[in-house]
Each structure stands twice: as structure tokens, then as C-alpha cells.
N, C-alpha and C. Protein backbone atom coordinates (compact mmCIF):
# COMPACT_ATOMS: atom_id res chain seq x y z
N UNK A 1 10.71 -48.97 -21.42
CA UNK A 1 11.99 -49.30 -22.18
C UNK A 1 13.21 -49.92 -22.51
N UNK A 2 13.09 -51.18 -23.66
CA UNK A 2 12.94 -52.40 -23.65
C UNK A 2 14.75 -52.20 -24.47
N UNK A 3 15.50 -53.25 -23.04
CA UNK A 3 17.24 -53.71 -23.72
C UNK A 3 17.34 -55.05 -24.12
N UNK A 4 18.49 -55.18 -24.87
CA UNK A 4 18.43 -56.20 -25.88
C UNK A 4 19.96 -56.45 -25.38
N UNK A 5 20.90 -57.45 -25.60
CA UNK A 5 22.17 -57.89 -26.06
C UNK A 5 21.22 -58.61 -27.05
N UNK A 6 22.33 -58.35 -27.97
CA UNK A 6 22.39 -59.19 -29.39
C UNK A 6 23.93 -59.68 -29.38
N UNK A 7 23.77 -61.01 -29.58
CA UNK A 7 25.40 -61.40 -29.88
C UNK A 7 25.63 -62.24 -31.34
N UNK A 8 26.65 -62.56 -31.93
CA UNK A 8 27.16 -63.32 -32.39
C UNK A 8 28.00 -64.04 -32.57
N UNK A 9 29.02 -63.95 -32.90
CA UNK A 9 30.46 -64.82 -31.97
C UNK A 9 31.72 -63.80 -31.99
N UNK A 10 31.72 -62.54 -32.75
CA UNK A 10 32.69 -62.04 -32.98
C UNK A 10 32.16 -60.44 -32.11
N UNK A 11 31.16 -60.27 -32.13
CA UNK A 11 29.83 -58.67 -32.04
C UNK A 11 30.47 -57.81 -33.07
N UNK A 12 30.86 -58.55 -33.85
CA UNK A 12 31.12 -56.97 -35.45
C UNK A 12 30.15 -56.71 -36.34
N UNK A 13 29.50 -58.08 -36.94
CA UNK A 13 28.57 -58.20 -37.90
C UNK A 13 27.37 -57.91 -37.26
N UNK A 14 26.79 -59.92 -37.51
CA UNK A 14 25.80 -60.00 -36.64
C UNK A 14 25.43 -59.30 -36.16
N UNK A 15 25.46 -59.39 -35.25
CA UNK A 15 24.92 -58.47 -33.82
C UNK A 15 25.21 -56.88 -33.20
N UNK A 16 25.97 -56.94 -33.96
CA UNK A 16 25.94 -55.19 -34.55
C UNK A 16 25.26 -54.59 -35.02
N UNK A 17 24.86 -54.84 -36.82
CA UNK A 17 23.74 -54.31 -37.83
C UNK A 17 22.41 -54.37 -36.25
N UNK A 18 22.30 -56.17 -36.22
CA UNK A 18 20.88 -55.75 -35.72
C UNK A 18 20.96 -55.30 -34.22
N UNK A 19 21.73 -54.73 -33.53
CA UNK A 19 22.13 -53.90 -32.45
C UNK A 19 21.51 -52.09 -32.98
N UNK A 20 22.08 -52.29 -33.70
CA UNK A 20 22.04 -50.99 -34.46
C UNK A 20 20.54 -50.48 -35.29
N UNK A 21 20.09 -51.71 -36.14
CA UNK A 21 18.61 -51.83 -36.84
C UNK A 21 17.78 -51.09 -35.72
N UNK A 22 17.80 -51.14 -33.67
CA UNK A 22 17.15 -51.47 -32.96
C UNK A 22 17.07 -50.90 -32.63
N UNK A 23 18.45 -49.58 -32.14
CA UNK A 23 18.45 -48.27 -31.88
C UNK A 23 17.86 -47.42 -32.98
N UNK A 24 17.84 -48.05 -33.97
CA UNK A 24 17.13 -47.34 -35.29
C UNK A 24 16.07 -46.86 -35.25
N UNK A 25 15.27 -47.54 -34.86
CA UNK A 25 13.67 -47.46 -33.91
C UNK A 25 13.36 -46.01 -34.09
N UNK A 26 14.41 -46.04 -32.55
CA UNK A 26 14.13 -44.52 -32.18
C UNK A 26 14.13 -43.15 -32.45
N UNK A 27 14.96 -43.06 -34.03
CA UNK A 27 15.17 -42.31 -34.66
C UNK A 27 15.90 -41.42 -34.55
N UNK A 28 16.14 -40.71 -35.24
CA UNK A 28 17.88 -39.51 -34.54
C UNK A 28 17.64 -38.79 -33.52
N UNK A 29 18.51 -38.97 -32.54
CA UNK A 29 19.18 -38.91 -31.62
C UNK A 29 19.99 -37.75 -31.78
N UNK A 30 18.48 -35.94 -31.95
CA UNK A 30 19.76 -35.02 -31.59
C UNK A 30 20.43 -34.17 -30.76
N UNK A 31 19.82 -34.28 -29.34
CA UNK A 31 19.95 -34.32 -28.32
C UNK A 31 20.87 -34.90 -27.27
N UNK A 32 21.78 -34.68 -26.48
CA UNK A 32 22.18 -35.56 -25.85
C UNK A 32 22.16 -35.39 -24.18
N UNK A 33 20.80 -34.49 -24.00
CA UNK A 33 20.92 -33.89 -22.53
C UNK A 33 19.95 -35.01 -22.17
N UNK A 34 20.15 -35.33 -20.48
CA UNK A 34 19.78 -36.59 -19.68
C UNK A 34 17.63 -36.46 -19.48
N UNK A 35 17.63 -35.34 -19.60
CA UNK A 35 15.40 -35.67 -19.92
C UNK A 35 15.42 -35.62 -21.47
N UNK A 36 15.89 -34.98 -22.58
CA UNK A 36 15.66 -35.56 -23.85
C UNK A 36 16.24 -36.86 -24.00
N UNK A 37 16.81 -37.78 -23.22
CA UNK A 37 17.84 -38.48 -23.43
C UNK A 37 16.77 -39.94 -22.20
N UNK A 38 15.82 -39.61 -21.97
CA UNK A 38 14.95 -40.67 -20.83
C UNK A 38 13.79 -40.14 -21.42
N UNK A 39 12.51 -39.19 -21.87
CA UNK A 39 12.00 -39.46 -22.89
C UNK A 39 11.90 -39.68 -24.84
N UNK A 40 13.71 -39.89 -25.34
CA UNK A 40 13.92 -40.35 -26.59
C UNK A 40 13.85 -41.74 -27.05
N UNK A 41 14.93 -42.47 -25.97
CA UNK A 41 15.40 -43.38 -25.91
C UNK A 41 14.38 -44.52 -25.64
N UNK A 42 13.53 -45.14 -26.33
CA UNK A 42 12.77 -46.70 -26.30
C UNK A 42 13.21 -48.09 -25.40
N UNK A 43 14.09 -48.00 -27.04
CA UNK A 43 14.99 -49.13 -27.27
C UNK A 43 16.35 -49.61 -27.43
N UNK A 44 17.06 -50.03 -26.30
CA UNK A 44 18.72 -49.91 -26.28
C UNK A 44 19.64 -50.70 -26.66
N UNK A 45 20.27 -51.44 -27.16
CA UNK A 45 20.90 -52.10 -27.96
C UNK A 45 22.31 -52.52 -26.87
N UNK A 46 23.10 -53.38 -27.31
CA UNK A 46 24.37 -53.71 -27.37
C UNK A 46 25.15 -55.05 -28.12
N UNK A 47 25.99 -54.76 -29.12
CA UNK A 47 26.21 -56.20 -29.43
C UNK A 47 27.77 -56.51 -28.59
N UNK A 48 27.71 -58.28 -28.59
CA UNK A 48 28.94 -58.54 -28.13
C UNK A 48 29.21 -59.83 -28.94
N UNK A 49 30.86 -60.39 -28.29
CA UNK A 49 30.81 -61.83 -29.28
C UNK A 49 30.49 -62.98 -28.29
N UNK A 50 29.56 -64.39 -28.91
CA UNK A 50 30.11 -64.97 -27.67
C UNK A 50 31.50 -65.36 -27.29
N UNK A 51 32.63 -65.04 -28.48
CA UNK A 51 33.22 -66.40 -28.72
C UNK A 51 34.88 -65.79 -27.72
N UNK A 52 34.45 -64.01 -28.20
CA UNK A 52 35.44 -63.63 -27.63
C UNK A 52 35.31 -62.27 -26.13
N UNK A 53 34.67 -63.03 -25.82
CA UNK A 53 33.98 -62.04 -23.54
C UNK A 53 34.19 -63.13 -23.15
N UNK A 54 34.61 -62.47 -21.86
CA UNK A 54 34.48 -63.78 -21.22
C UNK A 54 33.08 -64.11 -20.40
N UNK A 55 32.66 -64.88 -19.94
CA UNK A 55 31.56 -65.70 -19.72
C UNK A 55 30.95 -64.97 -18.40
N UNK A 56 31.31 -63.73 -17.63
CA UNK A 56 31.79 -63.11 -16.78
C UNK A 56 30.98 -61.04 -17.08
N UNK A 57 31.53 -61.37 -18.59
CA UNK A 57 30.76 -60.24 -19.12
C UNK A 57 29.70 -60.68 -20.19
N UNK A 58 29.67 -61.72 -20.22
CA UNK A 58 28.32 -61.80 -21.10
C UNK A 58 27.59 -61.46 -19.88
N UNK A 59 27.67 -62.42 -19.13
CA UNK A 59 26.47 -62.88 -17.56
C UNK A 59 26.13 -61.71 -17.30
N UNK A 60 27.36 -60.24 -17.54
CA UNK A 60 26.39 -58.87 -16.97
C UNK A 60 25.66 -58.50 -17.51
N UNK A 61 26.09 -58.48 -19.29
CA UNK A 61 25.77 -57.58 -20.20
C UNK A 61 23.86 -58.15 -20.51
N UNK A 62 23.91 -59.44 -19.93
CA UNK A 62 22.50 -60.28 -20.10
C UNK A 62 21.85 -60.14 -19.24
N UNK A 63 22.47 -59.80 -17.37
CA UNK A 63 21.61 -59.31 -16.99
C UNK A 63 21.37 -58.33 -16.83
N UNK A 64 21.65 -57.18 -17.17
CA UNK A 64 21.57 -55.73 -17.64
C UNK A 64 20.00 -55.80 -19.25
N UNK A 65 20.08 -56.83 -20.09
CA UNK A 65 18.81 -57.28 -21.12
C UNK A 65 17.41 -57.99 -20.65
N UNK A 66 16.81 -56.69 -21.32
CA UNK A 66 15.44 -57.64 -20.99
C UNK A 66 15.66 -58.48 -22.33
N UNK A 67 15.75 -58.92 -23.27
CA UNK A 67 15.92 -60.27 -23.88
C UNK A 67 17.27 -59.91 -24.76
N UNK A 68 17.67 -61.48 -24.59
CA UNK A 68 19.69 -61.97 -25.48
C UNK A 68 19.70 -62.77 -26.72
N UNK A 69 19.32 -61.41 -27.91
CA UNK A 69 19.33 -62.84 -28.99
C UNK A 69 20.59 -63.42 -29.12
N UNK A 70 20.25 -64.35 -29.50
CA UNK A 70 21.34 -65.65 -29.79
C UNK A 70 21.69 -65.50 -31.54
N UNK A 71 22.60 -64.59 -32.50
CA UNK A 71 22.75 -64.87 -33.84
C UNK A 71 23.45 -65.44 -33.90
N UNK A 72 24.71 -66.81 -32.94
CA UNK A 72 25.86 -66.61 -32.78
C UNK A 72 26.25 -68.22 -33.97
N UNK A 73 26.60 -68.37 -34.44
CA UNK A 73 26.93 -69.59 -35.10
C UNK A 73 25.91 -70.96 -34.88
N UNK A 74 25.85 -71.92 -35.42
CA UNK A 74 25.11 -72.90 -34.71
C UNK A 74 26.04 -74.07 -34.13
N UNK A 75 26.51 -73.79 -32.64
CA UNK A 75 27.49 -74.27 -32.28
C UNK A 75 26.29 -74.63 -30.52
N UNK A 76 25.96 -76.01 -30.38
CA UNK A 76 25.10 -76.03 -29.64
C UNK A 76 26.45 -75.16 -28.30
N UNK A 77 27.55 -75.88 -27.62
CA UNK A 77 28.07 -75.41 -26.89
C UNK A 77 27.75 -73.79 -26.54
N UNK A 78 28.40 -73.23 -27.16
CA UNK A 78 27.83 -71.82 -26.98
C UNK A 78 25.82 -71.36 -27.53
N UNK A 79 25.29 -72.06 -27.50
CA UNK A 79 23.62 -71.94 -27.32
C UNK A 79 23.29 -72.60 -25.56
N UNK A 80 23.77 -73.56 -25.33
CA UNK A 80 23.53 -73.57 -23.84
C UNK A 80 23.86 -72.90 -22.68
N UNK A 81 25.36 -72.71 -23.33
CA UNK A 81 26.02 -71.38 -22.71
C UNK A 81 24.91 -69.52 -22.73
N UNK A 82 24.52 -69.77 -23.30
CA UNK A 82 23.73 -68.40 -23.28
C UNK A 82 22.79 -68.62 -23.11
N UNK A 83 21.49 -69.99 -23.42
CA UNK A 83 20.35 -69.95 -22.80
C UNK A 83 20.48 -70.06 -21.03
N UNK A 84 21.91 -71.19 -20.82
CA UNK A 84 22.11 -71.21 -19.35
C UNK A 84 22.08 -69.99 -18.08
N UNK A 85 22.49 -68.63 -19.06
CA UNK A 85 22.95 -66.88 -18.50
C UNK A 85 21.58 -66.33 -18.59
N UNK A 86 20.45 -67.05 -19.63
CA UNK A 86 19.33 -65.82 -19.85
C UNK A 86 18.12 -66.71 -19.57
N UNK A 87 18.45 -68.08 -20.04
CA UNK A 87 16.60 -68.64 -19.32
C UNK A 87 15.82 -67.70 -20.09
N UNK A 88 14.99 -66.81 -19.64
CA UNK A 88 13.52 -66.51 -19.92
C UNK A 88 13.86 -65.39 -20.86
N UNK A 89 14.46 -65.20 -20.98
CA UNK A 89 15.53 -63.78 -21.75
C UNK A 89 15.90 -64.44 -23.10
N UNK A 90 16.35 -65.55 -23.09
CA UNK A 90 16.94 -65.61 -24.35
C UNK A 90 16.15 -66.83 -25.56
N UNK A 91 16.47 -65.57 -27.11
CA UNK A 91 15.91 -65.56 -27.98
C UNK A 91 17.35 -66.50 -28.99
N UNK A 92 17.21 -67.39 -29.67
CA UNK A 92 17.61 -68.34 -30.68
C UNK A 92 17.58 -67.40 -31.81
N UNK A 93 17.87 -67.49 -32.63
CA UNK A 93 17.87 -66.82 -34.21
C UNK A 93 18.57 -67.53 -35.23
N UNK A 94 18.60 -67.97 -36.02
CA UNK A 94 19.39 -68.05 -36.16
C UNK A 94 19.49 -68.38 -38.24
N UNK A 95 20.96 -67.11 -38.22
CA UNK A 95 20.75 -66.61 -39.88
C UNK A 95 21.42 -67.53 -40.00
N UNK A 96 22.69 -68.33 -39.95
CA UNK A 96 23.68 -68.36 -40.26
C UNK A 96 25.02 -67.65 -40.06
N UNK A 97 26.00 -68.54 -40.20
CA UNK A 97 27.17 -67.87 -40.31
C UNK A 97 27.79 -66.36 -40.62
N UNK A 98 28.59 -65.58 -40.46
CA UNK A 98 29.28 -64.52 -41.03
C UNK A 98 29.27 -64.39 -42.49
N UNK A 99 28.92 -64.29 -43.59
CA UNK A 99 29.16 -64.87 -44.76
C UNK A 99 28.74 -62.68 -45.43
N UNK A 100 28.57 -61.42 -44.52
CA UNK A 100 28.14 -60.46 -44.91
C UNK A 100 29.64 -60.10 -44.62
N UNK A 101 30.30 -59.95 -43.20
CA UNK A 101 31.65 -59.28 -43.69
C UNK A 101 31.23 -57.65 -43.44
N UNK A 102 30.23 -57.46 -43.14
CA UNK A 102 30.18 -56.05 -42.86
C UNK A 102 28.67 -56.00 -42.23
N UNK A 103 28.57 -55.20 -41.51
CA UNK A 103 27.42 -54.65 -40.58
C UNK A 103 26.58 -53.88 -41.50
N UNK A 104 26.64 -53.55 -42.20
CA UNK A 104 26.00 -52.36 -42.79
C UNK A 104 25.28 -53.04 -44.52
N UNK A 105 25.71 -54.32 -44.81
CA UNK A 105 25.67 -54.71 -46.06
C UNK A 105 23.79 -55.53 -45.93
N UNK A 106 23.56 -54.65 -47.12
CA UNK A 106 22.26 -54.89 -47.89
C UNK A 106 21.05 -55.98 -46.93
N UNK A 107 21.54 -57.49 -47.48
CA UNK A 107 21.47 -57.69 -47.31
C UNK A 107 21.06 -58.63 -46.33
N UNK A 108 22.21 -58.55 -45.24
CA UNK A 108 22.18 -58.89 -44.13
C UNK A 108 21.17 -57.43 -43.30
N UNK A 109 20.98 -56.05 -43.50
CA UNK A 109 20.44 -55.33 -43.24
C UNK A 109 18.18 -55.50 -43.25
N UNK A 110 18.36 -56.22 -44.41
CA UNK A 110 16.71 -56.68 -44.19
C UNK A 110 17.05 -58.21 -43.95
N UNK A 111 17.40 -58.81 -43.65
CA UNK A 111 17.66 -59.85 -42.61
C UNK A 111 17.32 -59.60 -41.13
N UNK A 112 17.56 -58.27 -40.73
CA UNK A 112 17.53 -57.56 -39.55
C UNK A 112 16.78 -56.96 -39.58
N UNK A 113 16.33 -55.99 -40.25
CA UNK A 113 14.36 -55.47 -40.45
C UNK A 113 13.71 -56.39 -40.54
N UNK A 114 13.68 -57.90 -41.01
CA UNK A 114 12.79 -58.72 -40.43
C UNK A 114 12.18 -59.79 -39.16
N UNK A 115 13.84 -59.38 -39.06
CA UNK A 115 13.43 -60.35 -37.72
C UNK A 115 13.21 -59.42 -36.56
N UNK A 116 12.90 -57.43 -36.86
CA UNK A 116 12.39 -56.66 -35.50
C UNK A 116 10.82 -56.80 -36.72
N UNK A 117 10.78 -57.03 -37.33
CA UNK A 117 9.09 -56.92 -37.42
C UNK A 117 8.57 -58.44 -37.07
N UNK A 118 8.76 -59.18 -36.66
CA UNK A 118 8.90 -60.71 -36.13
C UNK A 118 8.86 -60.15 -34.69
N UNK A 119 10.07 -59.75 -34.43
CA UNK A 119 9.92 -59.01 -32.71
C UNK A 119 8.67 -57.87 -32.30
N UNK A 120 8.35 -57.42 -33.26
CA UNK A 120 7.00 -56.68 -33.53
C UNK A 120 6.33 -57.74 -33.17
N UNK A 121 5.77 -58.37 -34.26
CA UNK A 121 4.73 -58.62 -34.30
C UNK A 121 4.40 -59.88 -32.25
N UNK A 122 5.33 -60.33 -32.44
CA UNK A 122 5.46 -61.15 -30.58
C UNK A 122 4.92 -60.49 -29.53
N UNK A 123 5.19 -58.91 -29.65
CA UNK A 123 5.41 -57.81 -28.22
C UNK A 123 6.80 -57.80 -28.31
N UNK A 124 7.82 -57.77 -28.58
CA UNK A 124 8.86 -57.04 -27.31
C UNK A 124 9.69 -56.21 -28.24
N UNK A 125 9.08 -55.50 -29.23
CA UNK A 125 9.03 -54.30 -29.53
C UNK A 125 8.13 -53.29 -29.53
């Protein structure tokens, strides 16, 4: 099982879309009992915002994650802070600022599905 921390500026659109797409790889979860979920859930993902979460919160989630995927705006200070927290787990993917305002936007979903294909090619998934 792999754990992914997806980060954008506020954690509502870009990172939420990528996190949902990662979780969708598991397929539909039809049971909630612990044994079933341990066998069923292969990838977990959490979306948060770099600008609206305390550094301690980001650090907490980064320690849980196997990969920290940074989709935040192109802000050098934020990128350096996230890199310093995650180091070898940090992956920067620049898809630009939020121009979709909706984590279910078809264009954004396509971009996130392309990211997942690239992650699979690199052995991250």
C-alpha cells in the first residue's frame, strides 16, 4: 500500500482531484469492515493546502506519506518549504494555478489521470 499527500494552494481543487483519482484506482469499496479494507485498499491519498495549513500539520501528513505530490502554485518559498519537509518523498508537478475551481472538472481530471499514468511508469503506483 502506498500513501500519497497531495498538496495545492488550498487543498480543494488540484490536490483534491489528484487524491480522488489515486483513490479511484482501488475501485469501488463496497464494504467497511477492517479485514476487507486491509485487503482492498492499495493506495491512500489525502489532499491539503500549502497556504492554509500550519507547517506542523503539513509535516505530520508528510511523515505519513510515501510520496508528497506538490501541485501548488509556482511559489519558490512554498516549494522549498515542502521539499525541506519531505526531501526524498517530494515530487513537484507544475500544472499551473487553479483555473478550474472544481475538482471534478473534465480537463483537470484528464491532467490528473495523465499524472497517474506517469506515476505508474515510474513505479510509484
